[in-house]
Protein backbone atom coordinates (compact mmCIF):
# COMPACT_ATOMS: atom_id res chain seq x y z
CA UNK A 1 -31.48 -0.90 -7.10
CA UNK A 2 -28.72 -2.25 -4.87
CA UNK A 3 -28.52 -6.00 -4.37
CA UNK A 4 -29.89 -7.19 -1.09
CA UNK A 5 -27.27 -8.26 1.42
CA UNK A 6 -27.78 -11.05 3.92
CA UNK A 7 -26.96 -10.56 7.55
CA UNK A 8 -24.04 -12.98 7.20
CA UNK A 9 -22.55 -10.91 4.36
CA UNK A 10 -22.92 -7.70 6.37
CA UNK A 11 -21.30 -9.31 9.43
CA UNK A 12 -18.42 -10.62 7.28
CA UNK A 13 -17.89 -7.21 5.70
CA UNK A 14 -17.90 -5.45 9.08
CA UNK A 15 -15.46 -8.01 10.52
CA UNK A 16 -13.11 -7.49 7.59
CA UNK A 17 -13.25 -3.68 8.06
CA UNK A 18 -12.62 -4.05 11.79
CA UNK A 19 -9.57 -6.24 11.10
CA UNK A 20 -8.16 -3.78 8.60
CA UNK A 21 -8.63 -0.85 11.02
CA UNK A 22 -7.02 -2.77 13.89
CA UNK A 23 -4.08 -3.80 11.70
CA UNK A 24 -3.54 -0.30 10.27
CA UNK A 25 -3.75 1.40 13.69
CA UNK A 26 -1.28 -0.85 15.51
CA UNK A 27 1.56 1.53 16.56
CA UNK A 28 4.00 -1.36 16.68
CA UNK A 29 3.53 -2.03 13.01
CA UNK A 30 4.12 1.46 11.55
CA UNK A 31 7.21 0.43 9.58
CA UNK A 32 5.60 -2.74 8.34
CA UNK A 33 2.43 -0.85 7.39
CA UNK A 34 4.37 1.69 5.35
CA UNK A 35 6.30 -1.07 3.58
CA UNK A 36 3.04 -2.84 2.77
CA UNK A 37 1.57 0.33 1.38
CA UNK A 38 4.73 1.00 -0.61
CA UNK A 39 4.79 -2.48 -2.04
CA UNK A 40 1.10 -2.36 -2.92
CA UNK A 41 2.10 0.26 -5.57
CA UNK A 42 4.17 -2.46 -7.25
CA UNK A 43 7.42 -0.52 -7.63
CA UNK A 44 9.77 -1.46 -10.44
CA UNK A 45 12.56 -3.75 -9.32
CA UNK A 46 15.98 -2.13 -9.62
CA UNK A 47 18.44 -4.82 -10.54
CA UNK A 48 21.62 -2.77 -10.35
CA UNK A 49 24.37 -2.75 -12.93
CA UNK A 50 25.53 0.19 -14.99
CA UNK A 51 22.42 1.80 -16.36
CA UNK A 52 22.28 5.51 -15.45
CA UNK A 53 19.10 6.12 -17.45
CA UNK A 54 17.38 3.12 -15.86
CA UNK A 55 18.49 4.24 -12.40
CA UNK A 56 17.12 7.74 -12.93
CA UNK A 57 13.82 6.33 -14.22
CA UNK A 58 13.62 3.97 -11.20
CA UNK A 59 14.25 6.89 -8.76
CA UNK A 60 11.57 8.96 -10.51
CA UNK A 61 9.05 6.11 -10.20
CA UNK A 62 9.86 5.60 -6.49
CA UNK A 63 9.47 9.33 -5.84
CA UNK A 64 6.05 9.23 -7.46
CA UNK A 65 5.05 6.40 -5.15
CA UNK A 66 6.38 8.31 -2.10
CA UNK A 67 4.42 11.39 -3.17
CA UNK A 68 1.23 9.29 -3.61
CA UNK A 69 1.78 7.92 -0.12
CA UNK A 70 2.03 11.42 1.34
CA UNK A 71 5.70 11.13 2.34
CA UNK A 72 7.59 14.34 3.00
CA UNK A 73 11.16 15.13 1.99
C-alpha cells in the first residue's frame, strides 16, 4: 500500500514539477539546458597532453552521452 501523502507534500511536489517544466521550456535557456543535461551525465574530464588512446576513449564516451541525449550528427 502506498504511503499516505499530506496536502503539503502534494503541493510541494507539484510546485517542484511546475518549476522544472517552466525552466526546461524557457526558449531563452536552450543552450544552458543542453549543457546542464550534458553535464548531468558526468562526462570524463579531458586534461589534454599527449595521450592518443585516452583522447579516443574520451571522444567515445562523449559520443555515447550525445547519443543518449538524442543529438544528431
